Amino acid sequence: MFAFAGNSILCRLALKETAIDAGTFTAIRILSGALVLWLISQWRGRKVRSAGSWRSAVALFIYATAFSFAYVELTAGTGALLLFGAVQATMIGYGLWKGERLSKRQICGFILAFGGLVGLVLPGVSAPPILSSSLMLGSGVAWGIYSLRGRGASDPIRVTAGNFLHAAPFAVALGIAMVPSASLAAIATGGLWAIASGTLASGVVYTLWYIALKNLKATSAATVQLSVPVIAAIGGIIFLGEDLTVRLFIASFAILGGIALAIREARTK
């Protein structure tokens, strides 16, 4: 969960402190993740050409791209809150679609979480930009789908490497599209953060996440991710000098508390 929050910090650091653009950051992040996972797979003697899937790769690419462009304007804490609120809603929604039923407590939890989300994005002085917020919500849905698709992976390292390699052509195309607005100086500085995000906080950690998902229910997987927005907000304050606004604090309490209430009810059945 610290690594998941680290992606928010690394992306914000790159976009705020350097001149790298969101598209180039995404391309370097995915390509570096694909490279390190391919090297790990080669070291293990596993072929990855037939591993992974195009559907998971598309979900991964959409998540990473929307994530980066959303963080052009969002703070680390706000972005992580929107991201994992959408992730949890997607995973919980899947559980409900598979046959789980809503209790009164769960309904109250979802109403509380939805109210917190609406309160966070309502127009106002401290409200996050609506376009960036929408991008981050879309990123969360894509990550939720990616997580759900990876729950049955028999060889997480091989599957994750395959997904990243399948996503590499999309990353190359995005990188080429961003060439007119990119600069070598920006890539040299912001690219280091992107590499750290792609190799450590993405490639390696996503493999560990796939391993953990094999023994987690959808609702349990959503539960442990409740800590990520808090970690990201604290990291944003420490490393980026971001402020913890009253709106964000109240919205965090409502969204995380509401989802926790719903998940807790689901796990006790």
C-alpha atoms as a PDB file:
ATOM      1  CA  MET A   1       0.000   0.000   0.000  1.00  0.00           C
ATOM      2  CA  PHE A   2       2.972   2.331   0.613  1.00  0.00           C
ATOM      3  CA  ALA A   3       4.116   1.621  -2.947  1.00  0.00           C
ATOM      4  CA  PHE A   4       0.660   2.366  -4.349  1.00  0.00           C
ATOM      5  CA  ALA A   5       0.712   5.692  -2.517  1.00  0.00           C
ATOM      6  CA  GLY A   6       4.277   6.151  -3.753  1.00  0.00           C
ATOM      7  CA  ASN A   7       3.034   6.211  -7.339  1.00  0.00           C
ATOM      8  CA  SER A   8       0.954   9.277  -6.506  1.00  0.00           C
ATOM      9  CA  ILE A   9       3.922  10.992  -4.864  1.00  0.00           C
ATOM     10  CA  LEU A  10       6.340  10.131  -7.685  1.00  0.00           C
ATOM     11  CA  CYS A  11       3.932  11.308 -10.383  1.00  0.00           C
ATOM     12  CA  ARG A  12       3.204  14.582  -8.585  1.00  0.00           C
ATOM     13  CA  LEU A  13       6.918  15.157  -7.962  1.00  0.00           C
ATOM     14  CA  ALA A  14       7.693  14.685 -11.648  1.00  0.00           C
ATOM     15  CA  LEU A  15       4.862  16.872 -12.933  1.00  0.00           C
ATOM     16  CA  LYS A  16       5.322  19.589 -10.307  1.00  0.00           C
ATOM     17  CA  GLU A  17       9.096  19.777  -9.927  1.00  0.00           C
ATOM     18  CA  THR A  18      10.180  19.030 -13.527  1.00  0.00           C
ATOM     19  CA  ALA A  19       9.009  19.970 -17.020  1.00  0.00           C
ATOM     20  CA  ILE A  20       8.083  16.438 -18.097  1.00  0.00           C
ATOM     21  CA  ASP A  21       4.573  16.082 -19.524  1.00  0.00           C
ATOM     22  CA  ALA A  22       2.002  13.536 -18.338  1.00  0.00           C
ATOM     23  CA  GLY A  23       2.065  11.516 -21.569  1.00  0.00           C
ATOM     24  CA  THR A  24       5.836  11.082 -21.609  1.00  0.00           C
ATOM     25  CA  PHE A  25       5.801  10.188 -17.909  1.00  0.00           C
ATOM     26  CA  THR A  26       3.217   7.473 -18.610  1.00  0.00           C
ATOM     27  CA  ALA A  27       5.148   6.069 -21.569  1.00  0.00           C
ATOM     28  CA  ILE A  28       8.406   5.842 -19.595  1.00  0.00           C
ATOM     29  CA  ARG A  29       6.595   4.364 -16.597  1.00  0.00           C
ATOM     30  CA  ILE A  30       5.007   1.540 -18.599  1.00  0.00           C
ATOM     31  CA  LEU A  31       8.074   0.803 -20.738  1.00  0.00           C
ATOM     32  CA  SER A  32      10.435   0.716 -17.751  1.00  0.00           C
ATOM     33  CA  GLY A  33       8.005  -1.542 -15.901  1.00  0.00           C
ATOM     34  CA  ALA A  34       7.804  -3.846 -18.923  1.00  0.00           C
ATOM     35  CA  LEU A  35      11.605  -4.001 -19.179  1.00  0.00           C
ATOM     36  CA  VAL A  36      12.264  -4.871 -15.542  1.00  0.00           C
ATOM     37  CA  LEU A  37       9.509  -7.496 -15.501  1.00  0.00           C
ATOM     38  CA  TRP A  38      10.834  -9.030 -18.719  1.00  0.00           C
ATOM     39  CA  LEU A  39      14.334  -9.217 -17.217  1.00  0.00           C
ATOM     40  CA  ILE A  40      12.972 -10.856 -14.055  1.00  0.00           C
ATOM     41  CA  SER A  41      11.032 -13.362 -16.150  1.00  0.00           C
ATOM     42  CA  GLN A  42      14.117 -14.157 -18.238  1.00  0.00           C
ATOM     43  CA  TRP A  43      16.139 -14.689 -15.064  1.00  0.00           C
ATOM     44  CA  ARG A  44      13.459 -17.118 -13.856  1.00  0.00           C
ATOM     45  CA  GLY A  45      13.496 -18.909 -17.203  1.00  0.00           C
ATOM     46  CA  ARG A  46       9.854 -18.061 -17.950  1.00  0.00           C
ATOM     47  CA  LYS A  47       8.602 -17.012 -21.392  1.00  0.00           C
ATOM     48  CA  VAL A  48       6.184 -14.098 -21.290  1.00  0.00           C
ATOM     49  CA  ARG A  49       5.224 -13.751 -24.955  1.00  0.00           C
ATOM     50  CA  SER A  50       1.999 -15.733 -24.469  1.00  0.00           C
ATOM     51  CA  ALA A  51       1.326 -14.479 -20.922  1.00  0.00           C
ATOM     52  CA  GLY A  52      -1.055 -11.700 -19.938  1.00  0.00           C
ATOM     53  CA  SER A  53      -3.863 -10.446 -22.142  1.00  0.00           C
ATOM     54  CA  TRP A  54      -4.741  -7.512 -24.336  1.00  0.00           C
ATOM     55  CA  ARG A  55      -7.792  -6.721 -22.201  1.00  0.00           C
ATOM     56  CA  SER A  56      -5.714  -6.431 -19.042  1.00  0.00           C
ATOM     57  CA  ALA A  57      -3.125  -4.425 -20.964  1.00  0.00           C
ATOM     58  CA  VAL A  58      -5.779  -1.959 -22.144  1.00  0.00           C
ATOM     59  CA  ALA A  59      -7.056  -1.598 -18.568  1.00  0.00           C
ATOM     60  CA  LEU A  60      -3.477  -1.047 -17.366  1.00  0.00           C
ATOM     61  CA  PHE A  61      -2.774   1.561 -20.052  1.00  0.00           C
ATOM     62  CA  ILE A  62      -6.029   3.458 -19.419  1.00  0.00           C
ATOM     63  CA  TYR A  63      -5.339   3.462 -15.684  1.00  0.00           C
ATOM     64  CA  ALA A  64      -1.764   4.750 -16.057  1.00  0.00           C
ATOM     65  CA  THR A  65      -2.594   7.382 -18.689  1.00  0.00           C
ATOM     66  CA  ALA A  66      -5.650   8.835 -16.937  1.00  0.00           C
ATOM     67  CA  PHE A  67      -3.697   8.725 -13.656  1.00  0.00           C
ATOM     68  CA  SER A  68      -0.854  10.881 -14.997  1.00  0.00           C
ATOM     69  CA  PHE A  69      -3.024  13.454 -16.767  1.00  0.00           C
ATOM     70  CA  ALA A  70      -5.255  13.766 -13.691  1.00  0.00           C
ATOM     71  CA  TYR A  71      -2.233  14.526 -11.500  1.00  0.00           C
ATOM     72  CA  VAL A  72      -1.328  17.561 -13.573  1.00  0.00           C
ATOM     73  CA  GLU A  73      -3.763  19.478 -11.346  1.00  0.00           C
ATOM     74  CA  LEU A  74      -4.752  17.210  -8.461  1.00  0.00           C
ATOM     75  CA  THR A  75      -2.875  17.006  -5.171  1.00  0.00           C
ATOM     76  CA  ALA A  76      -1.492  13.616  -4.107  1.00  0.00           C
ATOM     77  CA  GLY A  77      -4.088  13.079  -1.380  1.00  0.00           C
ATOM     78  CA  THR A  78      -7.105  14.170  -3.421  1.00  0.00           C
ATOM     79  CA  GLY A  79      -6.022  12.081  -6.403  1.00  0.00           C
ATOM     80  CA  ALA A  80      -5.472   8.969  -4.300  1.00  0.00           C
ATOM     81  CA  LEU A  81      -8.830   9.431  -2.575  1.00  0.00           C
ATOM     82  CA  LEU A  82     -10.662   9.661  -5.900  1.00  0.00           C
ATOM     83  CA  LEU A  83      -8.636   6.816  -7.385  1.00  0.00           C
ATOM     84  CA  PHE A  84      -9.167   4.280  -4.649  1.00  0.00           C
ATOM     85  CA  GLY A  85     -12.732   5.345  -4.040  1.00  0.00           C
ATOM     86  CA  ALA A  86     -13.398   4.352  -7.659  1.00  0.00           C
ATOM     87  CA  VAL A  87     -11.289   1.199  -7.304  1.00  0.00           C
ATOM     88  CA  GLN A  88     -13.235   0.043  -4.279  1.00  0.00           C
ATOM     89  CA  ALA A  89     -16.581   0.911  -5.839  1.00  0.00           C
ATOM     90  CA  THR A  90     -15.636  -1.146  -8.892  1.00  0.00           C
ATOM     91  CA  MET A  91     -14.496  -4.164  -6.878  1.00  0.00           C
ATOM     92  CA  ILE A  92     -17.421  -4.031  -4.484  1.00  0.00           C
ATOM     93  CA  GLY A  93     -19.796  -3.583  -7.411  1.00  0.00           C
ATOM     94  CA  TYR A  94     -18.331  -6.701  -8.978  1.00  0.00           C
ATOM     95  CA  GLY A  95     -18.921  -8.613  -5.757  1.00  0.00           C
ATOM     96  CA  LEU A  96     -22.544  -7.477  -5.743  1.00  0.00           C
ATOM     97  CA  TRP A  97     -22.932  -8.466  -9.390  1.00  0.00           C
ATOM     98  CA  LYS A  98     -21.634 -11.930  -8.479  1.00  0.00           C
ATOM     99  CA  GLY A  99     -24.460 -12.416  -6.000  1.00  0.00           C
ATOM    100  CA  GLU A 100     -23.746 -10.442  -2.818  1.00  0.00           C
ATOM    101  CA  ARG A 101     -26.732  -8.613  -1.342  1.00  0.00           C
ATOM    102  CA  LEU A 102     -26.901  -5.123   0.180  1.00  0.00           C
ATOM    103  CA  SER A 103     -27.866  -4.864   3.830  1.00  0.00           C
ATOM    104  CA  LYS A 104     -29.146  -1.710   5.487  1.00  0.00           C
ATOM    105  CA  ARG A 105     -25.679  -1.030   6.893  1.00  0.00           C
ATOM    106  CA  GLN A 106     -24.098  -1.423   3.478  1.00  0.00           C
ATOM    107  CA  ILE A 107     -26.654   0.911   1.928  1.00  0.00           C
ATOM    108  CA  CYS A 108     -25.864   3.505   4.596  1.00  0.00           C
ATOM    109  CA  GLY A 109     -22.155   3.051   3.924  1.00  0.00           C
ATOM    110  CA  PHE A 110     -22.531   3.569   0.194  1.00  0.00           C
ATOM    111  CA  ILE A 111     -24.725   6.641   0.714  1.00  0.00           C
ATOM    112  CA  LEU A 112     -22.116   8.096   3.092  1.00  0.00           C
ATOM    113  CA  ALA A 113     -19.263   7.379   0.644  1.00  0.00           C
ATOM    114  CA  PHE A 114     -21.172   8.782  -2.323  1.00  0.00           C
ATOM    115  CA  GLY A 115     -22.054  11.900  -0.333  1.00  0.00           C
ATOM    116  CA  GLY A 116     -18.386  12.392   0.524  1.00  0.00           C
ATOM    117  CA  LEU A 117     -17.396  12.057  -3.120  1.00  0.00           C
ATOM    118  CA  VAL A 118     -20.051  14.568  -4.223  1.00  0.00           C
ATOM    119  CA  GLY A 119     -18.965  16.955  -1.475  1.00  0.00           C
ATOM    120  CA  LEU A 120     -15.339  16.674  -2.596  1.00  0.00           C
ATOM    121  CA  VAL A 121     -15.985  17.599  -6.236  1.00  0.00           C
ATOM    122  CA  LEU A 122     -18.752  20.189  -5.735  1.00  0.00           C
ATOM    123  CA  PRO A 123     -17.747  23.628  -7.052  1.00  0.00           C
ATOM    124  CA  GLY A 124     -15.931  25.813  -4.544  1.00  0.00           C
ATOM    125  CA  VAL A 125     -12.600  27.415  -3.712  1.00  0.00           C
ATOM    126  CA  SER A 126     -10.996  24.147  -2.595  1.00  0.00           C
ATOM    127  CA  ALA A 127     -12.772  21.848  -5.037  1.00  0.00           C
ATOM    128  CA  PRO A 128     -10.505  19.826  -7.369  1.00  0.00           C
ATOM    129  CA  PRO A 129     -10.849  20.483 -11.120  1.00  0.00           C
ATOM    130  CA  ILE A 130     -13.760  18.493 -12.525  1.00  0.00           C
ATOM    131  CA  LEU A 131     -11.878  17.230 -15.606  1.00  0.00           C
ATOM    132  CA  SER A 132      -8.935  15.982 -13.555  1.00  0.00           C
ATOM    133  CA  SER A 133     -11.322  14.438 -11.034  1.00  0.00           C
ATOM    134  CA  SER A 134     -13.181  12.635 -13.824  1.00  0.00           C
ATOM    135  CA  LEU A 135      -9.917  11.335 -15.249  1.00  0.00           C
ATOM    136  CA  MET A 136      -8.873   9.971 -11.864  1.00  0.00           C
ATOM    137  CA  LEU A 137     -12.242   8.297 -11.336  1.00  0.00           C
ATOM    138  CA  GLY A 138     -11.874   6.657 -14.745  1.00  0.00           C
ATOM    139  CA  SER A 139      -8.368   5.597 -13.793  1.00  0.00           C
ATOM    140  CA  GLY A 140      -9.747   3.975 -10.645  1.00  0.00           C
ATOM    141  CA  VAL A 141     -12.352   2.006 -12.577  1.00  0.00           C
ATOM    142  CA  ALA A 142      -9.641   0.756 -14.965  1.00  0.00           C
ATOM    143  CA  TRP A 143      -7.400  -0.277 -12.047  1.00  0.00           C
ATOM    144  CA  GLY A 144     -10.306  -2.063 -10.377  1.00  0.00           C
ATOM    145  CA  ILE A 145     -10.922  -4.042 -13.573  1.00  0.00           C
ATOM    146  CA  TYR A 146      -7.206  -4.813 -13.862  1.00  0.00           C
ATOM    147  CA  SER A 147      -7.109  -6.048 -10.259  1.00  0.00           C
ATOM    148  CA  LEU A 148     -10.171  -8.239 -10.708  1.00  0.00           C
ATOM    149  CA  ARG A 149      -8.767  -9.770 -13.883  1.00  0.00           C
ATOM    150  CA  GLY A 150      -5.537 -10.631 -12.060  1.00  0.00           C
ATOM    151  CA  ARG A 151      -7.068 -12.479  -9.116  1.00  0.00           C
ATOM    152  CA  GLY A 152      -6.782 -15.897 -10.773  1.00  0.00           C
ATOM    153  CA  ALA A 153      -3.238 -15.548 -12.108  1.00  0.00           C
ATOM    154  CA  SER A 154      -1.344 -18.816 -11.607  1.00  0.00           C
ATOM    155  CA  ASP A 155       2.061 -17.162 -12.178  1.00  0.00           C
ATOM    156  CA  PRO A 156       1.748 -13.486 -11.121  1.00  0.00           C
ATOM    157  CA  ILE A 157       5.234 -12.440 -12.268  1.00  0.00           C
ATOM    158  CA  ARG A 158       4.781 -13.940 -15.724  1.00  0.00           C
ATOM    159  CA  VAL A 159       1.237 -12.586 -16.121  1.00  0.00           C
ATOM    160  CA  THR A 160       2.161  -9.092 -14.939  1.00  0.00           C
ATOM    161  CA  ALA A 161       5.158  -9.055 -17.288  1.00  0.00           C
ATOM    162  CA  GLY A 162       2.906 -10.135 -20.134  1.00  0.00           C
ATOM    163  CA  ASN A 163       0.385  -7.409 -19.358  1.00  0.00           C
ATOM    164  CA  PHE A 164       3.094  -4.751 -19.315  1.00  0.00           C
ATOM    165  CA  LEU A 165       4.585  -6.031 -22.571  1.00  0.00           C
ATOM    166  CA  HIS A 166       1.140  -6.006 -24.190  1.00  0.00           C
ATOM    167  CA  ALA A 167       0.714  -2.411 -22.980  1.00  0.00           C
ATOM    168  CA  ALA A 168       4.138  -1.379 -24.340  1.00  0.00           C
ATOM    169  CA  PRO A 169       2.937  -0.646 -27.930  1.00  0.00           C
ATOM    170  CA  PHE A 170       0.297   1.719 -26.542  1.00  0.00           C
ATOM    171  CA  ALA A 171       2.991   3.406 -24.441  1.00  0.00           C
ATOM    172  CA  VAL A 172       5.278   3.787 -27.460  1.00  0.00           C
ATOM    173  CA  ALA A 173       2.449   5.350 -29.476  1.00  0.00           C
ATOM    174  CA  LEU A 174       1.690   7.761 -26.632  1.00  0.00           C
ATOM    175  CA  GLY A 175       5.351   8.676 -26.309  1.00  0.00           C
ATOM    176  CA  ILE A 176       5.596   9.393 -30.033  1.00  0.00           C
ATOM    177  CA  ALA A 177       2.460  11.535 -29.876  1.00  0.00           C
ATOM    178  CA  MET A 178       4.044  13.604 -27.095  1.00  0.00           C
ATOM    179  CA  VAL A 179       7.373  14.178 -28.915  1.00  0.00           C
ATOM    180  CA  PRO A 180       6.468  17.713 -30.105  1.00  0.00           C
ATOM    181  CA  SER A 181       5.916  18.866 -26.507  1.00  0.00           C
ATOM    182  CA  ALA A 182       8.732  16.866 -24.901  1.00  0.00           C
ATOM    183  CA  SER A 183      12.298  17.979 -24.260  1.00  0.00           C
ATOM    184  CA  LEU A 184      15.478  16.070 -23.466  1.00  0.00           C
ATOM    185  CA  ALA A 185      16.033  18.118 -20.307  1.00  0.00           C
ATOM    186  CA  ALA A 186      12.544  17.334 -19.034  1.00  0.00           C
ATOM    187  CA  ILE A 187      12.901  13.647 -19.839  1.00  0.00           C
ATOM    188  CA  ALA A 188      16.304  13.509 -18.145  1.00  0.00           C
ATOM    189  CA  THR A 189      14.904  14.852 -14.875  1.00  0.00           C
ATOM    190  CA  GLY A 190      11.271  13.795 -14.738  1.00  0.00           C
ATOM    191  CA  GLY A 191      12.108  10.521 -16.458  1.00  0.00           C
ATOM    192  CA  LEU A 192      13.971   9.362 -13.364  1.00  0.00           C
ATOM    193  CA  TRP A 193      10.785   9.623 -11.315  1.00  0.00           C
ATOM    194  CA  ALA A 194       8.895   7.809 -14.076  1.00  0.00           C
ATOM    195  CA  ILE A 195      11.444   4.979 -14.092  1.00  0.00           C
ATOM    196  CA  ALA A 196      11.186   4.650 -10.310  1.00  0.00           C
ATOM    197  CA  SER A 197       7.414   4.542 -10.627  1.00  0.00           C
ATOM    198  CA  GLY A 198       7.501   2.003 -13.455  1.00  0.00           C
ATOM    199  CA  THR A 199      10.119  -0.394 -12.119  1.00  0.00           C
ATOM    200  CA  LEU A 200       9.608  -0.390  -8.360  1.00  0.00           C
ATOM    201  CA  ALA A 201       6.228   1.106  -7.498  1.00  0.00           C
ATOM    202  CA  SER A 202       4.465  -0.439 -10.511  1.00  0.00           C
ATOM    203  CA  GLY A 203       6.073  -3.500 -12.096  1.00  0.00           C
ATOM    204  CA  VAL A 204       7.473  -5.226  -9.026  1.00  0.00           C
ATOM    205  CA  VAL A 205       4.696  -4.150  -6.673  1.00  0.00           C
ATOM    206  CA  TYR A 206       1.907  -5.083  -9.094  1.00  0.00           C
ATOM    207  CA  THR A 207       3.413  -8.570  -9.184  1.00  0.00           C
ATOM    208  CA  LEU A 208       3.242  -8.744  -5.384  1.00  0.00           C
ATOM    209  CA  TRP A 209      -0.330  -7.447  -5.581  1.00  0.00           C
ATOM    210  CA  TYR A 210      -1.288 -10.230  -7.996  1.00  0.00           C
ATOM    211  CA  ILE A 211       0.236 -12.756  -5.574  1.00  0.00           C
ATOM    212  CA  ALA A 212      -1.761 -11.301  -2.681  1.00  0.00           C
ATOM    213  CA  LEU A 213      -4.985 -11.247  -4.718  1.00  0.00           C
ATOM    214  CA  LYS A 214      -4.894 -15.025  -5.053  1.00  0.00           C
ATOM    215  CA  ASN A 215      -5.821 -15.284  -1.376  1.00  0.00           C
ATOM    216  CA  LEU A 216      -8.106 -12.253  -1.074  1.00  0.00           C
ATOM    217  CA  LYS A 217     -11.788 -11.803  -1.762  1.00  0.00           C
ATOM    218  CA  ALA A 218     -12.838  -8.756  -3.778  1.00  0.00           C
ATOM    219  CA  THR A 219     -14.118  -7.017  -0.649  1.00  0.00           C
ATOM    220  CA  SER A 220     -10.959  -7.879   1.306  1.00  0.00           C
ATOM    221  CA  ALA A 221      -8.774  -6.521  -1.484  1.00  0.00           C
ATOM    222  CA  ALA A 222     -10.763  -3.301  -1.348  1.00  0.00           C
ATOM    223  CA  THR A 223     -10.363  -3.105   2.431  1.00  0.00           C
ATOM    224  CA  VAL A 224      -6.572  -3.014   2.524  1.00  0.00           C
ATOM    225  CA  GLN A 225      -6.521  -0.228  -0.062  1.00  0.00           C
ATOM    226  CA  LEU A 226      -8.379   2.102   2.301  1.00  0.00           C
ATOM    227  CA  SER A 227      -5.013   3.116   3.749  1.00  0.00           C
ATOM    228  CA  VAL A 228      -3.583   4.377   0.436  1.00  0.00           C
ATOM    229  CA  PRO A 229      -5.255   7.841   0.315  1.00  0.00           C
ATOM    230  CA  VAL A 230      -4.159   8.522   3.886  1.00  0.00           C
ATOM    231  CA  ILE A 231      -0.560   7.534   3.127  1.00  0.00           C
ATOM    232  CA  ALA A 232      -0.600   9.601  -0.084  1.00  0.00           C
ATOM    233  CA  ALA A 233      -2.008  12.662   1.704  1.00  0.00           C
ATOM    234  CA  ILE A 234       0.691  12.458   4.383  1.00  0.00           C
ATOM    235  CA  GLY A 235       3.359  11.992   1.713  1.00  0.00           C
ATOM    236  CA  GLY A 236       2.018  14.990  -0.206  1.00  0.00           C
ATOM    237  CA  ILE A 237       2.287  17.151   2.900  1.00  0.00           C
ATOM    238  CA  ILE A 238       5.832  15.963   3.709  1.00  0.00           C
ATOM    239  CA  PHE A 239       7.401  15.802   0.237  1.00  0.00           C
ATOM    240  CA  LEU A 240       5.317  18.258  -1.803  1.00  0.00           C
ATOM    241  CA  GLY A 241       4.259  20.848   0.737  1.00  0.00           C
ATOM    242  CA  GLU A 242       0.565  20.239   0.010  1.00  0.00           C
ATOM    243  CA  ASP A 243      -2.166  21.401   2.360  1.00  0.00           C
ATOM    244  CA  LEU A 244      -4.718  19.198   4.080  1.00  0.00           C
ATOM    245  CA  THR A 245      -7.922  21.173   3.478  1.00  0.00           C
ATOM    246  CA  VAL A 246     -11.038  20.889   5.589  1.00  0.00           C
ATOM    247  CA  ARG A 247     -12.965  19.732   2.516  1.00  0.00           C
ATOM    248  CA  LEU A 248     -10.493  16.915   1.860  1.00  0.00           C
ATOM    249  CA  PHE A 249     -10.491  15.872   5.509  1.00  0.00           C
ATOM    250  CA  ILE A 250     -14.293  15.679   5.709  1.00  0.00           C
ATOM    251  CA  ALA A 251     -14.579  13.967   2.324  1.00  0.00           C
ATOM    252  CA  SER A 252     -11.913  11.438   3.318  1.00  0.00           C
ATOM    253  CA  PHE A 253     -13.767  10.618   6.518  1.00  0.00           C
ATOM    254  CA  ALA A 254     -17.056  10.168   4.653  1.00  0.00           C
ATOM    255  CA  ILE A 255     -15.706   8.195   1.683  1.00  0.00           C
ATOM    256  CA  LEU A 256     -13.327   5.911   3.563  1.00  0.00           C
ATOM    257  CA  GLY A 257     -15.711   5.496   6.493  1.00  0.00           C
ATOM    258  CA  GLY A 258     -18.641   4.703   4.230  1.00  0.00           C
ATOM    259  CA  ILE A 259     -16.730   2.139   2.192  1.00  0.00           C
ATOM    260  CA  ALA A 260     -15.243   0.586   5.329  1.00  0.00           C
ATOM    261  CA  LEU A 261     -18.742   0.251   6.757  1.00  0.00           C
ATOM    262  CA  ALA A 262     -19.971  -1.477   3.614  1.00  0.00           C
ATOM    263  CA  ILE A 263     -16.974  -3.783   3.396  1.00  0.00           C
ATOM    264  CA  ARG A 264     -17.082  -4.681   7.079  1.00  0.00           C
ATOM    265  CA  GLU A 265     -20.701  -5.718   6.687  1.00  0.00           C
ATOM    266  CA  ALA A 266     -19.870  -7.805   3.638  1.00  0.00           C
ATOM    267  CA  ARG A 267     -17.037  -9.617   5.414  1.00  0.00           C
ATOM    268  CA  THR A 268     -19.132 -10.529   8.453  1.00  0.00           C
ATOM    269  CA  LYS A 269     -21.609 -12.553   6.350  1.00  0.00           C
END
